[in-house]
Amino acid sequence: MLLLFAVATVITGFIALCLLFFQATRKTYPGFGYCTAGVGFLAVGYLFYALRGQIPLWSTVFLGNYAFSLGMVLHLDGIRRFLWLKPASGLWYALPMAVLAGLALFYF
């Protein structure tokens, strides 16, 4: 399982770096930066899952799940901005904190 998460970390990290390069060198569409940040947070989430066992369990559970949920919200906001819809409200950005609260409830 460690190898799977390590490979996912490398692949999504490479994709995030490529997207960051494209954003810096080319004209991009609205919301591209949000999608790029979302992929970066997914790479961080995979990294925390890959480090499970090497660092304390609570940090991998809480920070990994927070990174995944925040990455998905950033993707949603990027898609909404690409479609020229209203940006995602602050309620969407509060959902990752609700995920942390639920995790704390069940973890402790």
C-alpha atoms as a PDB file:
ATOM      1  CA  MET A   1       0.000   0.000   0.000  1.00  0.00           C
ATOM      2  CA  LEU A   2       2.917   2.318   0.722  1.00  0.00           C
ATOM      3  CA  LEU A   3       4.186   1.927  -2.837  1.00  0.00           C
ATOM      4  CA  LEU A   4       0.763   2.796  -4.241  1.00  0.00           C
ATOM      5  CA  PHE A   5       0.568   6.054  -2.280  1.00  0.00           C
ATOM      6  CA  ALA A   6       4.196   6.895  -3.045  1.00  0.00           C
ATOM      7  CA  VAL A   7       3.576   6.510  -6.773  1.00  0.00           C
ATOM      8  CA  ALA A   8       0.358   8.547  -6.531  1.00  0.00           C
ATOM      9  CA  THR A   9       2.296  11.266  -4.700  1.00  0.00           C
ATOM     10  CA  VAL A  10       4.954  11.433  -7.402  1.00  0.00           C
ATOM     11  CA  ILE A  11       2.450  11.431 -10.268  1.00  0.00           C
ATOM     12  CA  THR A  12       0.127  14.083  -8.831  1.00  0.00           C
ATOM     13  CA  GLY A  13       3.095  16.169  -7.699  1.00  0.00           C
ATOM     14  CA  PHE A  14       4.498  16.060 -11.229  1.00  0.00           C
ATOM     15  CA  ILE A  15       1.118  17.043 -12.674  1.00  0.00           C
ATOM     16  CA  ALA A  16       0.899  19.939 -10.196  1.00  0.00           C
ATOM     17  CA  LEU A  17       4.364  21.137 -11.243  1.00  0.00           C
ATOM     18  CA  CYS A  18       3.417  20.891 -14.931  1.00  0.00           C
ATOM     19  CA  LEU A  19       0.228  22.869 -14.331  1.00  0.00           C
ATOM     20  CA  LEU A  20       2.200  25.463 -12.395  1.00  0.00           C
ATOM     21  CA  PHE A  21       4.653  25.728 -15.303  1.00  0.00           C
ATOM     22  CA  PHE A  22       1.808  26.165 -17.796  1.00  0.00           C
ATOM     23  CA  GLN A  23       0.226  28.818 -15.613  1.00  0.00           C
ATOM     24  CA  ALA A  24       3.487  30.735 -15.405  1.00  0.00           C
ATOM     25  CA  THR A  25       4.344  30.571 -19.110  1.00  0.00           C
ATOM     26  CA  ARG A  26       1.007  30.653 -20.931  1.00  0.00           C
ATOM     27  CA  LYS A  27      -2.298  32.444 -20.886  1.00  0.00           C
ATOM     28  CA  THR A  28      -4.744  30.257 -19.007  1.00  0.00           C
ATOM     29  CA  TYR A  29      -8.480  30.263 -18.443  1.00  0.00           C
ATOM     30  CA  PRO A  30     -10.202  31.605 -15.308  1.00  0.00           C
ATOM     31  CA  GLY A  31     -10.051  29.095 -12.492  1.00  0.00           C
ATOM     32  CA  PHE A  32      -6.890  27.377 -13.721  1.00  0.00           C
ATOM     33  CA  GLY A  33      -4.962  28.482 -10.636  1.00  0.00           C
ATOM     34  CA  TYR A  34      -7.602  27.004  -8.361  1.00  0.00           C
ATOM     35  CA  CYS A  35      -7.422  23.664 -10.168  1.00  0.00           C
ATOM     36  CA  THR A  36      -3.632  23.773  -9.965  1.00  0.00           C
ATOM     37  CA  ALA A  37      -3.775  24.394  -6.225  1.00  0.00           C
ATOM     38  CA  GLY A  38      -6.309  21.575  -5.903  1.00  0.00           C
ATOM     39  CA  VAL A  39      -3.959  19.107  -7.591  1.00  0.00           C
ATOM     40  CA  GLY A  40      -1.165  20.314  -5.315  1.00  0.00           C
ATOM     41  CA  PHE A  41      -3.279  19.628  -2.243  1.00  0.00           C
ATOM     42  CA  LEU A  42      -4.105  16.161  -3.579  1.00  0.00           C
ATOM     43  CA  ALA A  43      -0.376  15.473  -3.896  1.00  0.00           C
ATOM     44  CA  VAL A  44       0.119  16.601  -0.287  1.00  0.00           C
ATOM     45  CA  GLY A  45      -2.734  14.339   0.807  1.00  0.00           C
ATOM     46  CA  TYR A  46      -1.151  11.357  -0.934  1.00  0.00           C
ATOM     47  CA  LEU A  47       2.169  12.255   0.670  1.00  0.00           C
ATOM     48  CA  PHE A  48       0.649  12.139   4.148  1.00  0.00           C
ATOM     49  CA  TYR A  49      -0.903   8.764   3.386  1.00  0.00           C
ATOM     50  CA  ALA A  50       2.451   7.490   2.100  1.00  0.00           C
ATOM     51  CA  LEU A  51       4.133   8.630   5.323  1.00  0.00           C
ATOM     52  CA  ARG A  52       1.690   6.718   7.510  1.00  0.00           C
ATOM     53  CA  GLY A  53       3.788   4.699   9.932  1.00  0.00           C
ATOM     54  CA  GLN A  54       6.786   7.022   9.737  1.00  0.00           C
ATOM     55  CA  ILE A  55       5.065  10.025  11.326  1.00  0.00           C
ATOM     56  CA  PRO A  56       2.363  10.024  14.008  1.00  0.00           C
ATOM     57  CA  LEU A  57      -0.945   8.494  12.941  1.00  0.00           C
ATOM     58  CA  TRP A  58      -3.052  11.492  13.948  1.00  0.00           C
ATOM     59  CA  SER A  59      -1.109  13.783  11.601  1.00  0.00           C
ATOM     60  CA  THR A  60      -1.560  11.515   8.597  1.00  0.00           C
ATOM     61  CA  VAL A  61      -5.265  11.051   9.304  1.00  0.00           C
ATOM     62  CA  PHE A  62      -6.105  14.683   9.939  1.00  0.00           C
ATOM     63  CA  LEU A  63      -3.755  16.459   7.535  1.00  0.00           C
ATOM     64  CA  GLY A  64      -4.177  13.917   4.738  1.00  0.00           C
ATOM     65  CA  ASN A  65      -7.971  14.059   4.805  1.00  0.00           C
ATOM     66  CA  TYR A  66      -7.935  17.852   5.154  1.00  0.00           C
ATOM     67  CA  ALA A  67      -5.664  18.156   2.119  1.00  0.00           C
ATOM     68  CA  PHE A  68      -7.927  15.900   0.045  1.00  0.00           C
ATOM     69  CA  SER A  69     -11.115  17.716   0.989  1.00  0.00           C
ATOM     70  CA  LEU A  70      -9.580  21.164   0.426  1.00  0.00           C
ATOM     71  CA  GLY A  71      -8.210  19.993  -2.928  1.00  0.00           C
ATOM     72  CA  MET A  72     -11.679  18.937  -4.042  1.00  0.00           C
ATOM     73  CA  VAL A  73     -13.191  22.269  -2.969  1.00  0.00           C
ATOM     74  CA  LEU A  74     -10.490  24.111  -4.927  1.00  0.00           C
ATOM     75  CA  HIS A  75     -11.300  21.970  -7.978  1.00  0.00           C
ATOM     76  CA  LEU A  76     -14.974  22.824  -7.608  1.00  0.00           C
ATOM     77  CA  ASP A  77     -14.209  26.533  -7.352  1.00  0.00           C
ATOM     78  CA  GLY A  78     -11.915  26.351 -10.382  1.00  0.00           C
ATOM     79  CA  ILE A  79     -14.608  24.641 -12.458  1.00  0.00           C
ATOM     80  CA  ARG A  80     -17.199  27.211 -11.374  1.00  0.00           C
ATOM     81  CA  ARG A  81     -14.881  30.069 -12.360  1.00  0.00           C
ATOM     82  CA  PHE A  82     -14.106  28.370 -15.694  1.00  0.00           C
ATOM     83  CA  LEU A  83     -17.833  28.211 -16.473  1.00  0.00           C
ATOM     84  CA  TRP A  84     -18.213  31.911 -15.511  1.00  0.00           C
ATOM     85  CA  LEU A  85     -20.470  31.008 -12.585  1.00  0.00           C
ATOM     86  CA  LYS A  86     -20.306  32.699  -9.216  1.00  0.00           C
ATOM     87  CA  PRO A  87     -17.239  31.613  -7.215  1.00  0.00           C
ATOM     88  CA  ALA A  88     -17.812  28.981  -4.566  1.00  0.00           C
ATOM     89  CA  SER A  89     -19.120  30.455  -1.340  1.00  0.00           C
ATOM     90  CA  GLY A  90     -17.299  30.446   1.954  1.00  0.00           C
ATOM     91  CA  LEU A  91     -19.531  27.571   3.055  1.00  0.00           C
ATOM     92  CA  TRP A  92     -17.739  25.281   0.622  1.00  0.00           C
ATOM     93  CA  TYR A  93     -14.396  26.313   2.075  1.00  0.00           C
ATOM     94  CA  ALA A  94     -15.737  25.583   5.577  1.00  0.00           C
ATOM     95  CA  LEU A  95     -16.515  21.970   4.653  1.00  0.00           C
ATOM     96  CA  PRO A  96     -12.911  20.758   5.082  1.00  0.00           C
ATOM     97  CA  MET A  97     -13.062  22.045   8.660  1.00  0.00           C
ATOM     98  CA  ALA A  98     -16.290  20.066   9.123  1.00  0.00           C
ATOM     99  CA  VAL A  99     -14.416  17.013   7.847  1.00  0.00           C
ATOM    100  CA  LEU A 100     -11.766  17.617  10.507  1.00  0.00           C
ATOM    101  CA  ALA A 101     -14.460  17.935  13.177  1.00  0.00           C
ATOM    102  CA  GLY A 102     -16.008  14.627  12.114  1.00  0.00           C
ATOM    103  CA  LEU A 103     -12.615  12.953  12.088  1.00  0.00           C
ATOM    104  CA  ALA A 104     -11.873  14.269  15.566  1.00  0.00           C
ATOM    105  CA  LEU A 105     -15.202  12.946  16.795  1.00  0.00           C
ATOM    106  CA  PHE A 106     -14.467   9.433  15.583  1.00  0.00           C
ATOM    107  CA  TYR A 107     -10.699   9.448  16.165  1.00  0.00           C
ATOM    108  CA  PHE A 108     -10.773  10.509  19.805  1.00  0.00           C
END
